[in-house]
Protein backbone atom coordinates (compact mmCIF):
# COMPACT_ATOMS: atom_id res chain seq x y z
CA MET A 1 -12.07 -4.81 4.27
CA GLU A 2 -15.83 -5.31 2.82
CA ILE A 3 -15.67 -7.29 -0.21
CA PRO A 4 -17.59 -5.72 -3.26
CA ARG A 5 -20.01 -8.10 -5.03
CA PRO A 6 -18.50 -10.03 -7.74
CA SER A 7 -19.29 -8.53 -11.10
CA SER A 8 -17.29 -11.00 -13.35
CA LEU A 9 -16.14 -14.49 -13.49
CA PHE A 10 -12.55 -13.38 -12.75
CA ASP A 11 -13.94 -11.82 -9.60
CA VAL A 12 -15.78 -15.05 -8.49
CA ILE A 13 -12.41 -17.32 -9.45
CA THR A 14 -10.66 -14.64 -7.34
CA ASP A 15 -13.06 -15.17 -4.33
CA GLY A 16 -12.34 -18.90 -3.93
CA ILE A 17 -8.67 -19.55 -5.17
CA LEU A 18 -7.16 -19.44 -1.98
CA GLY A 19 -9.79 -20.82 -0.01
CA GLN A 20 -9.75 -23.90 -2.45
CA ALA A 21 -6.09 -24.30 -2.11
CA CYS A 22 -6.57 -24.58 1.54
CA VAL A 23 -9.29 -27.13 1.39
CA ASP A 24 -7.39 -29.29 -1.26
CA GLN A 25 -4.56 -29.51 1.04
CA ALA A 26 -6.52 -30.48 4.14
CA PHE A 27 -8.54 -32.74 2.17
CA ALA A 28 -5.50 -34.43 0.62
CA ALA A 29 -3.97 -34.69 4.13
CA GLN A 30 -7.19 -36.47 5.38
CA LEU A 31 -7.74 -39.03 2.52
CA GLY A 32 -3.74 -40.02 1.73
CA ARG A 33 -3.26 -41.64 -1.51
CA VAL A 34 -6.73 -42.25 -3.22
CA THR A 35 -7.10 -45.36 -5.47
CA GLY A 36 -10.51 -44.71 -6.85
CA VAL A 37 -13.71 -42.60 -6.56
CA GLU A 38 -17.29 -44.44 -6.64
CA PHE A 39 -20.46 -42.04 -7.28
CA ASN A 40 -23.96 -43.34 -6.98
CA LEU A 41 -26.38 -40.85 -9.27
CA SER A 42 -30.27 -41.18 -9.66
CA GLU A 43 -31.83 -39.77 -12.72
CA ASP A 44 -34.71 -37.76 -10.51
CA THR A 45 -32.16 -36.15 -8.00
CA THR A 46 -29.27 -34.01 -7.96
CA ALA A 47 -28.25 -35.73 -4.48
CA VAL A 48 -25.09 -38.18 -4.94
CA ASN A 49 -23.35 -40.78 -2.70
CA VAL A 50 -19.92 -40.86 -2.72
CA ARG A 51 -17.28 -43.31 -1.77
CA ILE A 52 -13.48 -42.68 -1.66
CA ASN A 53 -11.02 -45.80 -1.75
CA ARG A 54 -7.94 -44.92 0.01
CA ALA A 55 -4.57 -47.02 -0.20
CA SER A 56 -4.84 -47.20 3.66
CA GLY A 57 -7.71 -47.34 5.94
CA SER A 58 -11.33 -48.02 5.25
CA PRO A 59 -13.05 -46.06 2.54
CA PHE A 60 -14.52 -42.42 3.17
CA ASP A 61 -18.18 -42.12 2.57
CA THR A 62 -19.91 -39.10 1.85
CA ALA A 63 -22.66 -37.02 0.18
CA GLY A 64 -22.57 -34.63 -2.78
CA GLU A 65 -24.74 -32.54 -5.08
CA ILE A 66 -24.39 -32.23 -9.10
CA ILE A 67 -23.42 -28.66 -9.95
CA ALA A 68 -23.19 -29.10 -13.75
CA TRP A 69 -23.18 -31.48 -16.41
CA ILE A 70 -20.13 -31.90 -19.05
CA ASN A 71 -20.66 -33.22 -22.06
CA ASN A 72 -17.67 -33.05 -24.86
CA GLN A 73 -16.48 -29.74 -24.16
CA GLU A 74 -19.80 -28.16 -22.81
CA PHE A 75 -20.59 -27.00 -19.60
CA GLU A 76 -24.25 -26.99 -18.33
CA TRP A 77 -25.22 -25.72 -15.25
CA VAL A 78 -27.52 -27.38 -12.88
CA SER A 79 -27.06 -25.33 -9.80
CA THR A 80 -28.95 -22.17 -9.52
CA ARG A 81 -26.85 -20.25 -7.11
CA GLY A 82 -24.87 -18.24 -9.78
CA GLN A 83 -28.02 -16.79 -11.27
CA ASP A 84 -28.71 -14.08 -8.71
CA LEU A 85 -24.94 -12.72 -9.48
CA ASP A 86 -26.16 -11.65 -12.89
CA ILE A 87 -22.97 -13.12 -14.67
CA GLU A 88 -23.67 -14.51 -17.79
CA VAL A 89 -21.23 -17.46 -17.73
CA LEU A 90 -22.52 -18.58 -14.51
CA GLN A 91 -25.95 -20.20 -16.08
CA GLY A 92 -27.09 -22.26 -18.96
CA THR A 93 -24.89 -24.00 -21.21
CA GLN A 94 -20.90 -22.47 -21.43
CA PRO A 95 -17.73 -23.74 -23.52
CA LEU A 96 -16.16 -25.83 -21.03
CA SER A 97 -13.24 -24.47 -18.93
CA ASP A 98 -11.15 -25.02 -15.56
CA ASP A 99 -12.39 -21.34 -14.86
CA LEU A 100 -15.93 -22.59 -14.80
CA ILE A 101 -14.94 -25.39 -12.31
CA THR A 102 -13.23 -22.98 -9.89
CA ALA A 103 -16.23 -20.86 -9.80
CA ALA A 104 -18.78 -23.68 -9.33
CA ARG A 105 -16.65 -24.61 -6.14
CA THR A 106 -16.74 -20.97 -5.07
CA LEU A 107 -20.35 -20.77 -5.14
CA TYR A 108 -20.51 -23.78 -2.97
CA ASN A 109 -18.05 -22.32 -0.09
CA ASN A 110 -15.10 -23.78 -1.76
CA ALA A 111 -16.33 -27.69 -1.15
CA PRO A 112 -14.46 -30.45 -2.53
CA ALA A 113 -15.42 -31.45 -6.11
CA PHE A 114 -14.95 -34.14 -8.37
CA ILE A 115 -15.90 -35.23 -11.87
CA ALA A 116 -18.05 -38.46 -12.15
CA PRO A 117 -17.77 -40.14 -15.42
CA LEU A 118 -21.34 -41.84 -16.52
CA VAL A 119 -21.95 -44.74 -18.78
CA ASP A 120 -23.17 -42.34 -21.53
CA GLY A 121 -20.27 -40.37 -21.86
CA ARG A 122 -21.46 -37.32 -19.88
CA LYS A 123 -19.87 -36.47 -16.85
CA ALA A 124 -21.15 -34.91 -13.40
CA LEU A 125 -19.39 -32.11 -11.64
CA VAL A 126 -20.02 -33.06 -8.02
CA ALA A 127 -19.42 -30.73 -5.00
CA LEU A 128 -19.00 -32.70 -1.76
CA HIS A 129 -21.17 -31.81 1.27
CA HIS A 130 -18.03 -32.03 3.49
CA MET A 131 -15.49 -29.42 4.53
CA PRO A 132 -12.28 -31.01 5.76
CA GLN A 133 -10.31 -29.93 9.12
CA LEU A 134 -8.38 -27.00 7.52
CA ILE A 135 -4.97 -26.37 8.02
CA ASP A 136 -3.13 -23.35 9.62
CA VAL A 137 -3.73 -19.93 7.87
CA ARG A 138 -0.01 -19.45 7.57
CA HIS A 139 0.63 -22.88 5.64
CA SER A 140 -2.32 -22.18 3.68
CA LEU A 141 -1.02 -19.05 2.48
CA ILE A 142 2.57 -20.50 1.54
CA GLU A 143 0.86 -23.37 -0.58
CA GLY A 144 -1.60 -21.23 -2.27
CA LEU A 145 -0.22 -17.97 -3.09
CA PRO A 146 1.52 -19.26 -5.75
CA ASN A 147 -1.47 -20.34 -7.68
CA MET A 148 -2.44 -16.68 -7.83
CA LEU A 149 -3.32 -15.96 -11.71
CA PRO A 150 -1.60 -12.90 -13.20
CA GLY A 151 -3.73 -9.47 -12.72
CA THR A 152 -5.63 -11.26 -9.76
CA ASP A 153 -7.23 -8.36 -7.22
CA PHE A 154 -4.52 -9.22 -4.65
CA LYS A 155 -6.84 -7.61 -1.75
CA ARG A 156 -9.92 -9.03 -2.72
CA ALA A 157 -8.67 -12.31 -2.97
CA LEU A 158 -6.85 -11.93 0.68
CA SER A 159 -10.02 -10.41 2.05
CA SER A 160 -12.27 -13.80 0.62
CA PHE A 161 -9.88 -15.80 2.15
CA ALA A 162 -10.16 -14.26 5.62
CA ALA A 163 -13.61 -14.16 5.27
CA PHE A 164 -13.73 -18.08 4.58
CA ARG A 165 -11.48 -18.68 7.43
CA ASP A 166 -13.68 -16.22 9.96
CA LEU A 167 -10.59 -13.94 10.51
CA GLY A 168 -10.16 -10.39 10.50
CA ILE A 169 -7.68 -8.62 8.00
CA ARG A 170 -5.64 -5.39 8.17
CA PHE A 171 -4.43 -3.76 5.20
CA ASP A 172 -0.90 -1.48 5.88
CA SER A 173 1.46 0.14 3.22
CA ASN A 174 3.78 -2.76 3.75
CA ARG A 175 2.25 -5.19 5.26
CA ILE A 176 -0.97 -7.69 5.66
CA ALA A 177 -1.89 -8.78 8.89
CA PHE A 178 -4.68 -11.54 9.77
CA SER A 179 -6.42 -11.57 13.24
CA ASP A 180 -4.93 -15.14 13.93
CA GLY A 181 -1.39 -13.46 14.13
CA THR A 182 -0.36 -14.21 10.21
CA SER A 183 1.52 -11.42 8.70
CA LEU A 184 2.72 -11.03 5.01
CA LEU A 185 5.67 -8.80 4.25
CA LEU A 186 4.84 -6.54 0.75
CA ARG A 187 6.71 -5.02 -1.63
CA ASN A 188 5.17 -3.02 -4.62
CA ASP A 189 1.89 -4.43 -3.41
CA ARG A 190 3.40 -8.09 -3.90
CA ALA A 191 3.62 -10.61 -1.09
CA ILE A 192 7.27 -11.57 -0.59
CA GLU A 193 7.38 -13.15 2.94
CA ILE A 194 5.18 -14.83 5.53
CA ALA A 195 6.41 -14.13 9.07
CA GLY A 196 7.42 -17.38 11.04
CA GLY A 197 10.27 -18.71 9.86
CA LEU A 198 13.85 -17.42 8.36
CA SER A 199 13.26 -14.09 6.67
CA LEU A 200 14.78 -13.04 3.40
CA ARG A 201 16.87 -10.46 5.21
CA ASP A 202 18.43 -13.13 7.54
CA VAL A 203 19.21 -15.28 4.85
CA ARG A 204 20.74 -12.72 2.61
CA ALA A 205 23.02 -11.28 5.39
CA ASP A 206 24.35 -15.14 6.30
CA ALA A 207 25.10 -15.58 2.62
CA ALA A 208 26.44 -12.22 1.58
CA PHE A 209 30.30 -12.10 2.31
CA MET A 210 30.59 -15.91 1.74
CA SER A 211 29.21 -15.61 -1.70
CA ALA A 212 31.28 -12.35 -2.31
CA GLU A 213 34.59 -14.41 -1.53
CA HIS A 214 33.93 -17.09 -3.43
CA GLN A 215 32.87 -14.77 -6.61
CA LEU A 216 36.47 -13.05 -6.07
CA LEU A 217 37.87 -16.36 -6.29
CA PHE A 218 35.95 -16.80 -9.63
CA ASP A 219 37.13 -13.71 -10.77
CA ALA A 220 40.73 -14.82 -10.26
CA LEU A 221 40.26 -17.84 -12.08
CA SER A 222 38.12 -16.48 -15.19
CA PRO A 223 38.53 -12.91 -15.39
CA SER A 224 36.51 -12.52 -18.57
CA HIS A 225 33.82 -14.80 -17.13
CA ASN A 226 33.88 -16.85 -20.07
CA VAL A 227 31.75 -19.74 -19.33
CA THR A 228 29.88 -22.14 -21.74
CA PHE A 229 26.94 -24.28 -20.53
CA ASN A 230 26.27 -27.84 -21.70
CA PRO A 231 22.45 -28.55 -20.22
CA GLN A 232 22.45 -31.92 -21.53
CA LEU A 233 25.66 -33.13 -19.19
CA ASN A 234 25.25 -30.47 -16.54
CA THR A 235 28.64 -29.26 -17.08
CA ALA A 236 30.17 -26.03 -17.90
CA THR A 237 33.59 -25.26 -19.33
CA VAL A 238 35.65 -22.27 -17.92
CA GLU A 239 37.99 -20.26 -20.02
CA ASN A 240 37.77 -23.25 -22.62
CA GLU A 241 39.86 -25.17 -20.22
CA HIS A 242 38.40 -26.01 -16.80
CA GLN A 243 35.25 -28.50 -16.94
CA VAL A 244 32.97 -27.88 -13.79
CA ARG A 245 29.91 -29.41 -12.43
CA ALA A 246 27.13 -26.63 -13.70
CA ILE A 247 23.40 -26.79 -11.82
CA PRO A 248 21.11 -24.45 -13.49
CA LEU A 249 19.58 -22.15 -11.18
CA ALA A 250 17.02 -19.70 -13.17
CA VAL A 251 16.51 -18.55 -16.76
CA ILE A 252 16.23 -14.85 -17.42
CA ASP A 253 14.04 -13.82 -20.22
CA GLY A 254 13.55 -10.23 -20.44
CA SER A 255 12.07 -8.91 -17.35
CA ARG A 256 11.35 -12.56 -16.34
CA TRP A 257 12.88 -14.80 -13.94
CA VAL A 258 12.09 -18.20 -14.06
CA TRP A 259 13.27 -20.80 -11.48
CA THR A 260 14.78 -23.95 -13.06
CA TRP A 261 12.92 -26.00 -10.53
CA SER A 262 9.91 -25.62 -12.64
CA LEU A 263 11.41 -26.31 -15.97
CA ARG A 264 12.17 -30.12 -16.44
CA GLU A 265 13.83 -29.38 -19.75
CA LEU A 266 16.63 -27.93 -17.96
CA ASN A 267 17.19 -30.55 -15.49
CA GLY A 268 16.11 -28.31 -12.36
CA GLN A 269 15.57 -31.07 -10.00
CA ALA A 270 18.91 -30.31 -8.52
CA THR A 271 17.42 -26.85 -7.04
CA GLU A 272 14.08 -28.45 -5.80
CA GLY A 273 15.51 -27.73 -2.37
CA LEU A 274 15.45 -24.29 -3.05
CA ALA A 275 11.69 -24.27 -3.41
CA ARG A 276 11.23 -26.31 -0.37
CA PHE A 277 13.45 -24.02 1.68
CA GLY A 278 10.84 -21.13 0.72
CA PHE A 279 7.85 -23.25 1.38
CA ASP A 280 9.18 -23.92 4.96
CA ASN A 281 10.04 -20.50 5.41
CA GLY A 282 7.42 -18.33 3.80
CA LEU A 283 9.66 -17.01 1.46
CA LEU A 284 7.36 -16.44 -1.75
CA LEU A 285 10.24 -15.25 -3.87
CA LEU A 286 11.53 -19.11 -3.86
CA THR A 287 8.04 -20.47 -4.19
CA ASN A 288 6.79 -18.73 -7.43
CA ALA A 289 8.09 -20.27 -10.24
CA GLU A 290 8.35 -16.92 -12.13
CA ILE A 291 9.33 -13.86 -10.55
CA THR A 292 10.77 -10.53 -12.51
CA VAL A 293 14.55 -9.74 -12.42
CA GLU A 294 14.37 -6.77 -10.72
CA GLU A 295 12.82 -8.82 -7.62
CA ALA A 296 15.53 -11.49 -7.92
CA GLN A 297 18.46 -8.55 -8.01
CA SER A 298 16.72 -6.43 -5.07
CA PHE A 299 16.58 -9.66 -2.73
CA ASP A 300 19.90 -11.20 -3.61
CA LEU A 301 18.32 -14.13 -4.53
CA ILE A 302 21.24 -15.85 -6.26
CA ASP A 303 23.25 -15.34 -3.07
CA ILE A 304 20.15 -17.12 -1.03
CA ALA A 305 20.24 -19.61 -3.36
CA LYS A 306 23.71 -20.63 -2.73
CA GLN A 307 23.44 -20.54 1.00
CA VAL A 308 20.42 -23.11 0.61
CA LEU A 309 22.22 -25.30 -2.04
CA ASN A 310 25.62 -24.96 -0.33
CA ILE A 311 27.24 -24.11 -3.94
CA TRP A 312 28.64 -20.70 -3.69
CA THR A 313 30.10 -19.90 -7.01
CA HIS A 314 27.79 -18.52 -9.93
CA ALA A 315 27.84 -17.36 -13.72
CA ILE A 316 25.47 -15.68 -15.78
CA ILE A 317 25.57 -17.39 -19.65
CA ARG A 318 24.01 -15.69 -22.26
CA GLN A 319 22.27 -17.77 -24.80
CA GLU A 320 21.57 -17.76 -28.53
CA ASP A 321 18.02 -16.60 -28.57
CA GLY A 322 18.81 -13.34 -26.38
CA SER A 323 18.01 -15.06 -22.74
CA ALA A 324 20.31 -16.28 -20.17
CA VAL A 325 20.63 -19.06 -17.85
CA VAL A 326 22.31 -18.62 -14.24
CA VAL A 327 24.31 -21.47 -13.03
CA LEU A 328 25.72 -22.86 -9.77
CA LEU A 329 29.29 -23.89 -10.31
CA ASP A 330 31.12 -26.74 -8.49
CA HIS A 331 34.79 -27.97 -8.77
CA PRO A 332 37.28 -28.47 -6.43
CA ARG A 333 39.42 -25.20 -7.65
CA LEU A 334 36.22 -23.12 -6.82
CA GLN A 335 36.48 -24.43 -3.21
CA LEU A 336 37.92 -21.30 -0.87
CA PRO A 337 41.44 -22.12 0.61
CA PRO A 338 41.89 -21.74 4.46
CA ALA A 339 41.12 -18.19 5.42
CA SER A 340 43.90 -15.67 5.06
CA HIS A 341 44.12 -12.07 6.57
CA LEU A 342 44.40 -10.51 3.36
CA ALA A 343 41.22 -12.60 1.62
CA VAL A 344 39.16 -11.78 4.66
CA GLU A 345 39.80 -8.08 4.64
CA ALA A 346 39.30 -7.86 0.80
CA THR A 347 35.94 -9.55 1.24
CA LEU A 348 34.84 -7.59 4.26
CA TYR A 349 35.26 -4.57 1.79
CA HIS A 350 32.27 -6.10 -0.32
CA GLN A 351 29.52 -3.49 -0.30
CA LEU A 352 26.28 -4.65 1.22
CA SER A 353 22.73 -3.53 0.57
CA ARG A 354 21.65 -0.96 2.68
CA ASP A 355 19.13 -3.32 4.06
CA ILE A 356 20.97 -5.88 5.29
CA ASP A 357 22.14 -6.86 8.69
CA ALA A 358 25.79 -6.21 8.67
CA ARG A 359 26.70 -7.54 11.97
CA ARG A 360 24.79 -10.50 11.03
CA ALA A 361 26.54 -11.05 7.96
CA VAL A 362 29.93 -10.63 9.61
CA VAL A 363 29.08 -13.29 12.33
CA SER A 364 28.02 -15.67 9.92
CA TYR A 365 30.95 -14.98 7.45
CA ALA A 366 33.45 -15.52 10.43
CA ALA A 367 31.31 -19.26 11.31
CA HIS A 368 31.69 -20.12 7.54
CA ARG A 369 35.32 -19.43 7.66
CA ASN A 370 36.05 -20.66 11.30
CA VAL A 371 37.75 -17.50 12.30
CA PRO A 372 37.19 -16.21 15.65
CA PHE A 373 34.94 -12.81 15.98
CA ASP A 374 35.09 -10.70 19.10
CA GLY A 375 32.21 -8.43 17.68
CA PHE A 376 34.69 -6.08 16.76
CA ALA A 377 37.65 -7.97 14.83
CA LEU A 378 37.93 -11.13 12.90
CA THR A 379 41.30 -12.86 14.05
CA VAL A 380 43.05 -14.34 11.11
CA ASP A 381 46.76 -15.47 10.86
CA GLY A 382 47.71 -13.99 14.09
CA LYS A 383 46.30 -10.47 13.06
CA HIS A 384 43.15 -8.47 13.26
CA VAL A 385 40.66 -7.21 10.57
CA ASN A 386 38.82 -4.45 12.50
CA VAL A 387 35.20 -3.82 11.55
CA GLU A 388 33.45 -0.65 12.87
CA PHE A 389 29.72 -0.46 12.90
CA ASP A 390 27.39 2.19 13.17
CA GLY A 391 23.90 0.27 13.99
CA ASP A 392 23.51 -2.55 11.59
CA ARG A 393 25.97 -1.14 8.94
CA ILE A 394 29.69 -1.52 8.34
CA THR A 395 31.56 1.96 8.17
CA LYS A 396 34.98 0.97 8.46
CA VAL A 397 37.14 -2.37 7.83
CA HIS A 398 40.81 -1.88 8.89
């Protein structure tokens, strides 16, 4: 895809946002923990000598160039690289913003940059003449895509990233492929998954029936789902009687679904493992702090969270402000008893989404419940629960 010439500051930011995330990851890995940065500037030149002191190893010495001066809340361009683009904010003196710093790095091929404080109170934005050894494209995208701003031209950002990494790129209706083999799965023009790890489809299948049986047990314990949540204690009270451990998973606010691992006020640290799982497997719906409720429901993300965190019961609790909190509930009374013929049969009647691999779902459920499955029937209490398939779909349970 040919990348149109940038016509706005937002275009310039878009062209650099993924490349800069990639560079920052690589440079951080190269340096380790930084303990301080020293700058040697001269009045008569924009050239800068830079020494980066590290917690382990010798200092890293390199050179750089002053791109701009920062004085109070003003950003004064020194570099003339942006003048040819005929974008007003890329020249002269402008109000200081993070966007200008990102744009400046784009103009310098996404180079690492530091802000150097001076004794007169001014600061200098310095681009380094150093490009670290970049990490692989797949991990760059897993780390970088959650940084995309709302309204970003997705195709432009990916095309610019491909050009930065000297790769070809192909856009199909439901997939974006890079010439190194990296592939992104799309839904409604949004990347939801990067191939190479466990897929959403796989994890949904692994979780489906185990989640369903736990919810059947919860329905028996609390038919009305009368649950109150105490966020200070991370407990919930079920039917005004049973106090259980409660882990907030997500906040629903209108059409917004916000993962609690991004919300310190809700003690979401207990669900950080879900985000790590998303990063490890390229599951972008788990690594974006905010997605839509429709996406969360369409991809059974509550079930996925249960599988990852190994807590299998959930409730959705309405709040006075109109929002809702999705919580995972844990208590001995919510643990499943040994498998029985009736419970397994009732669970397998649970309707799966059409895009889930039902064969994998049954195999996983049998393993979770420690019951034999020969591909045709599960054996429980000396009796069979027969399962008939048509391709990857269940047609009959008897």
